[in-house]
Amino acid sequence: MTKPKTRKSASASKALAPKPAAKSETKPEKKADTLVAMLRRDSGAALTEITGATGWLPHSARAMLTGLRKKGFTLDKTRVDGVTRYAITAEPVA
């Protein structure tokens, strides 16, 4: 005859679970913050630079640019050596 399986109590499983790492003093930088920092540069940012820094697909990066426009940022789009570059020309009024 086999012994029936018993469930571990919640307190026992909590004791075995690894403790979460201590929270750092600073928040991790969001991808949107990275994008805004890139667009604030004098040279702006190309789509390939944005996708490389954030890990987004091109259509997601373009959607984020549209989202920034809707938040009040004014973006400039220029073509340099066949590459489209985006840059912030005006910030939203707080």
N, C-alpha and C. Protein backbone atom coordinates (compact mmCIF):
# COMPACT_ATOMS: atom_id res chain seq x y z
N MET A 1 0.83 -1.17 0.00
CA MET A 1 0.00 0.00 0.00
C MET A 1 0.89 1.25 0.00
N THR A 2 0.55 2.22 -0.87
CA THR A 2 1.37 3.43 -0.95
C THR A 2 0.83 4.50 -0.02
N LYS A 3 1.71 5.29 0.39
CA LYS A 3 1.38 6.36 1.32
C LYS A 3 0.78 7.53 0.53
N PRO A 4 -0.32 8.13 0.97
CA PRO A 4 -0.88 9.28 0.25
C PRO A 4 0.05 10.48 0.34
N LYS A 5 0.10 11.24 -0.76
CA LYS A 5 0.97 12.43 -0.79
C LYS A 5 0.34 13.52 0.06
N THR A 6 1.18 14.19 0.79
CA THR A 6 0.70 15.30 1.62
C THR A 6 1.18 16.61 1.01
N ARG A 7 0.38 17.61 1.18
CA ARG A 7 0.74 18.93 0.67
C ARG A 7 1.59 19.66 1.71
N LYS A 8 2.53 20.39 1.22
CA LYS A 8 3.34 21.20 2.13
C LYS A 8 2.52 22.40 2.54
N SER A 9 2.69 22.81 3.74
CA SER A 9 1.95 23.98 4.19
C SER A 9 2.55 25.23 3.55
N ALA A 10 1.77 26.28 3.54
CA ALA A 10 2.22 27.53 2.93
C ALA A 10 3.43 28.08 3.64
N SER A 11 3.49 27.91 4.95
CA SER A 11 4.63 28.43 5.70
C SER A 11 5.90 27.65 5.37
N ALA A 12 5.77 26.37 5.11
CA ALA A 12 6.94 25.57 4.76
C ALA A 12 7.49 25.96 3.40
N SER A 13 6.60 26.23 2.44
CA SER A 13 7.09 26.61 1.12
C SER A 13 7.68 28.01 1.13
N LYS A 14 7.16 28.89 2.01
CA LYS A 14 7.74 30.24 2.12
C LYS A 14 9.14 30.17 2.70
N ALA A 15 9.34 29.26 3.63
CA ALA A 15 10.66 29.13 4.25
C ALA A 15 11.69 28.66 3.25
N LEU A 16 11.27 27.86 2.26
CA LEU A 16 12.20 27.34 1.26
C LEU A 16 12.42 28.30 0.11
N ALA A 17 11.51 29.26 -0.09
CA ALA A 17 11.61 30.19 -1.21
C ALA A 17 12.76 31.15 -0.98
N PRO A 18 13.48 31.51 -2.05
CA PRO A 18 14.58 32.46 -1.88
C PRO A 18 14.04 33.84 -1.52
N LYS A 19 14.78 34.53 -0.71
CA LYS A 19 14.36 35.87 -0.30
C LYS A 19 14.62 36.84 -1.44
N PRO A 20 13.71 37.81 -1.66
CA PRO A 20 13.94 38.78 -2.72
C PRO A 20 15.14 39.67 -2.39
N ALA A 21 15.79 40.13 -3.43
CA ALA A 21 16.95 41.00 -3.25
C ALA A 21 16.50 42.32 -2.65
N ALA A 22 17.37 42.92 -1.89
CA ALA A 22 17.05 44.20 -1.28
C ALA A 22 16.82 45.24 -2.37
N LYS A 23 15.84 46.10 -2.13
CA LYS A 23 15.53 47.13 -3.12
C LYS A 23 16.64 48.16 -3.15
N SER A 24 17.00 48.58 -4.36
CA SER A 24 18.05 49.58 -4.48
C SER A 24 17.46 50.96 -4.21
N GLU A 25 18.32 51.90 -3.95
CA GLU A 25 17.88 53.26 -3.64
C GLU A 25 17.31 53.97 -4.86
N THR A 26 17.79 53.62 -6.06
CA THR A 26 17.32 54.29 -7.27
C THR A 26 16.45 53.34 -8.07
N LYS A 27 15.48 53.93 -8.76
CA LYS A 27 14.61 53.12 -9.61
C LYS A 27 15.38 52.74 -10.87
N PRO A 28 15.10 51.58 -11.42
CA PRO A 28 15.74 51.25 -12.69
C PRO A 28 15.18 52.16 -13.78
N GLU A 29 16.02 52.49 -14.73
CA GLU A 29 15.61 53.39 -15.81
C GLU A 29 14.63 52.66 -16.73
N LYS A 30 13.56 53.34 -17.07
CA LYS A 30 12.57 52.76 -17.97
C LYS A 30 13.03 52.94 -19.40
N LYS A 31 12.53 52.10 -20.27
CA LYS A 31 12.90 52.19 -21.68
C LYS A 31 12.44 53.51 -22.27
N ALA A 32 11.29 54.01 -21.83
CA ALA A 32 10.79 55.30 -22.31
C ALA A 32 11.75 56.42 -21.92
N ASP A 33 12.33 56.33 -20.71
CA ASP A 33 13.31 57.33 -20.27
C ASP A 33 14.57 57.26 -21.13
N THR A 34 14.97 56.05 -21.48
CA THR A 34 16.12 55.86 -22.36
C THR A 34 15.85 56.51 -23.72
N LEU A 35 14.65 56.30 -24.25
CA LEU A 35 14.27 56.86 -25.54
C LEU A 35 14.32 58.39 -25.49
N VAL A 36 13.73 58.99 -24.46
CA VAL A 36 13.72 60.44 -24.35
C VAL A 36 15.14 60.99 -24.26
N ALA A 37 15.99 60.32 -23.50
CA ALA A 37 17.39 60.76 -23.39
C ALA A 37 18.09 60.70 -24.74
N MET A 38 17.81 59.66 -25.51
CA MET A 38 18.42 59.54 -26.84
C MET A 38 17.92 60.65 -27.77
N LEU A 39 16.64 60.97 -27.67
CA LEU A 39 16.06 61.98 -28.55
C LEU A 39 16.48 63.39 -28.17
N ARG A 40 16.92 63.59 -26.94
CA ARG A 40 17.38 64.91 -26.49
C ARG A 40 18.79 65.24 -26.99
N ARG A 41 19.53 64.24 -27.45
CA ARG A 41 20.88 64.50 -27.96
C ARG A 41 20.80 65.43 -29.17
N ASP A 42 21.88 66.16 -29.41
CA ASP A 42 21.92 67.07 -30.56
C ASP A 42 21.68 66.33 -31.87
N SER A 43 22.23 65.13 -31.98
CA SER A 43 22.09 64.37 -33.22
C SER A 43 20.79 63.57 -33.27
N GLY A 44 20.07 63.50 -32.14
CA GLY A 44 18.85 62.71 -32.10
C GLY A 44 19.18 61.23 -32.12
N ALA A 45 18.26 60.43 -32.67
CA ALA A 45 18.47 58.98 -32.71
C ALA A 45 17.81 58.39 -33.94
N ALA A 46 18.49 57.43 -34.53
CA ALA A 46 17.92 56.69 -35.66
C ALA A 46 17.11 55.52 -35.11
N LEU A 47 16.22 55.01 -35.92
CA LEU A 47 15.37 53.90 -35.50
C LEU A 47 16.20 52.69 -35.09
N THR A 48 17.28 52.43 -35.79
CA THR A 48 18.13 51.28 -35.44
C THR A 48 18.79 51.48 -34.07
N GLU A 49 19.15 52.72 -33.74
CA GLU A 49 19.72 53.00 -32.43
C GLU A 49 18.67 52.80 -31.33
N ILE A 50 17.45 53.24 -31.60
CA ILE A 50 16.36 53.11 -30.63
C ILE A 50 16.06 51.63 -30.37
N THR A 51 15.94 50.85 -31.44
CA THR A 51 15.62 49.44 -31.27
C THR A 51 16.76 48.69 -30.59
N GLY A 52 17.99 49.08 -30.87
CA GLY A 52 19.13 48.43 -30.24
C GLY A 52 19.22 48.73 -28.75
N ALA A 53 18.89 49.95 -28.36
CA ALA A 53 18.99 50.34 -26.95
C ALA A 53 17.83 49.82 -26.11
N THR A 54 16.67 49.66 -26.72
CA THR A 54 15.48 49.28 -25.95
C THR A 54 15.07 47.82 -26.14
N GLY A 55 15.47 47.21 -27.24
CA GLY A 55 15.05 45.84 -27.52
C GLY A 55 13.67 45.78 -28.17
N TRP A 56 13.10 46.94 -28.50
CA TRP A 56 11.80 46.98 -29.16
C TRP A 56 11.93 46.62 -30.63
N LEU A 57 10.86 46.16 -31.22
CA LEU A 57 10.79 46.00 -32.66
C LEU A 57 10.53 47.37 -33.27
N PRO A 58 10.87 47.56 -34.57
CA PRO A 58 10.69 48.88 -35.18
C PRO A 58 9.28 49.45 -35.05
N HIS A 59 8.25 48.61 -35.20
CA HIS A 59 6.89 49.14 -35.10
C HIS A 59 6.57 49.58 -33.68
N SER A 60 7.16 48.96 -32.69
CA SER A 60 6.95 49.37 -31.30
C SER A 60 7.66 50.69 -31.02
N ALA A 61 8.85 50.86 -31.58
CA ALA A 61 9.59 52.11 -31.40
C ALA A 61 8.84 53.27 -32.04
N ARG A 62 8.29 53.04 -33.23
CA ARG A 62 7.51 54.10 -33.89
C ARG A 62 6.26 54.42 -33.09
N ALA A 63 5.63 53.42 -32.51
CA ALA A 63 4.45 53.65 -31.68
C ALA A 63 4.81 54.47 -30.45
N MET A 64 5.97 54.23 -29.88
CA MET A 64 6.40 55.01 -28.72
C MET A 64 6.67 56.46 -29.11
N LEU A 65 7.20 56.68 -30.31
CA LEU A 65 7.40 58.05 -30.79
C LEU A 65 6.06 58.75 -30.91
N THR A 66 5.06 58.05 -31.42
CA THR A 66 3.71 58.62 -31.52
C THR A 66 3.17 58.93 -30.13
N GLY A 67 3.41 58.05 -29.18
CA GLY A 67 2.98 58.28 -27.81
C GLY A 67 3.61 59.52 -27.20
N LEU A 68 4.89 59.75 -27.51
CA LEU A 68 5.56 60.95 -27.02
C LEU A 68 4.92 62.20 -27.62
N ARG A 69 4.58 62.13 -28.91
CA ARG A 69 3.90 63.27 -29.55
C ARG A 69 2.58 63.56 -28.86
N LYS A 70 1.85 62.51 -28.52
CA LYS A 70 0.55 62.69 -27.86
C LYS A 70 0.71 63.25 -26.45
N LYS A 71 1.86 63.02 -25.83
CA LYS A 71 2.13 63.57 -24.50
C LYS A 71 2.58 65.02 -24.56
N GLY A 72 2.78 65.55 -25.75
CA GLY A 72 3.13 66.96 -25.88
C GLY A 72 4.54 67.25 -26.36
N PHE A 73 5.34 66.23 -26.59
CA PHE A 73 6.69 66.45 -27.13
C PHE A 73 6.57 66.82 -28.60
N THR A 74 7.42 67.73 -29.04
CA THR A 74 7.51 68.05 -30.46
C THR A 74 8.75 67.35 -31.00
N LEU A 75 8.54 66.49 -31.99
CA LEU A 75 9.64 65.72 -32.55
C LEU A 75 9.96 66.21 -33.96
N ASP A 76 11.24 66.25 -34.26
CA ASP A 76 11.72 66.61 -35.58
C ASP A 76 12.22 65.34 -36.26
N LYS A 77 11.85 65.16 -37.51
CA LYS A 77 12.27 63.99 -38.27
C LYS A 77 13.08 64.47 -39.46
N THR A 78 14.36 64.10 -39.51
CA THR A 78 15.23 64.51 -40.60
C THR A 78 15.86 63.28 -41.23
N ARG A 79 16.30 63.45 -42.44
CA ARG A 79 16.95 62.36 -43.17
C ARG A 79 18.42 62.75 -43.38
N VAL A 80 19.33 61.97 -42.82
CA VAL A 80 20.76 62.23 -42.92
C VAL A 80 21.41 61.00 -43.55
N ASP A 81 22.00 61.19 -44.72
CA ASP A 81 22.67 60.09 -45.44
C ASP A 81 21.75 58.88 -45.62
N GLY A 82 20.50 59.14 -45.92
CA GLY A 82 19.55 58.06 -46.16
C GLY A 82 18.97 57.41 -44.92
N VAL A 83 19.31 57.93 -43.74
CA VAL A 83 18.82 57.38 -42.47
C VAL A 83 17.94 58.43 -41.81
N THR A 84 16.73 58.03 -41.42
CA THR A 84 15.83 58.95 -40.73
C THR A 84 16.23 59.04 -39.27
N ARG A 85 16.37 60.28 -38.80
CA ARG A 85 16.73 60.53 -37.41
C ARG A 85 15.63 61.34 -36.76
N TYR A 86 15.35 61.03 -35.50
CA TYR A 86 14.31 61.70 -34.73
C TYR A 86 14.97 62.46 -33.58
N ALA A 87 14.44 63.65 -33.27
CA ALA A 87 14.97 64.44 -32.17
C ALA A 87 13.84 65.25 -31.53
N ILE A 88 13.96 65.49 -30.24
CA ILE A 88 12.99 66.32 -29.53
C ILE A 88 13.38 67.77 -29.76
N THR A 89 12.41 68.57 -30.23
CA THR A 89 12.67 70.00 -30.42
C THR A 89 11.96 70.84 -29.38
N ALA A 90 10.91 70.31 -28.74
CA ALA A 90 10.22 71.03 -27.67
C ALA A 90 9.63 70.02 -26.69
N GLU A 91 9.73 70.37 -25.41
CA GLU A 91 9.21 69.52 -24.33
C GLU A 91 7.77 69.93 -24.02
N PRO A 92 6.98 69.05 -23.45
CA PRO A 92 5.62 69.43 -23.07
C PRO A 92 5.65 70.46 -21.94
N VAL A 93 4.67 71.34 -21.93
CA VAL A 93 4.58 72.36 -20.90
C VAL A 93 3.95 71.72 -19.67
N ALA A 94 4.61 71.86 -18.54
CA ALA A 94 4.12 71.20 -17.32
C ALA A 94 2.98 71.91 -16.69
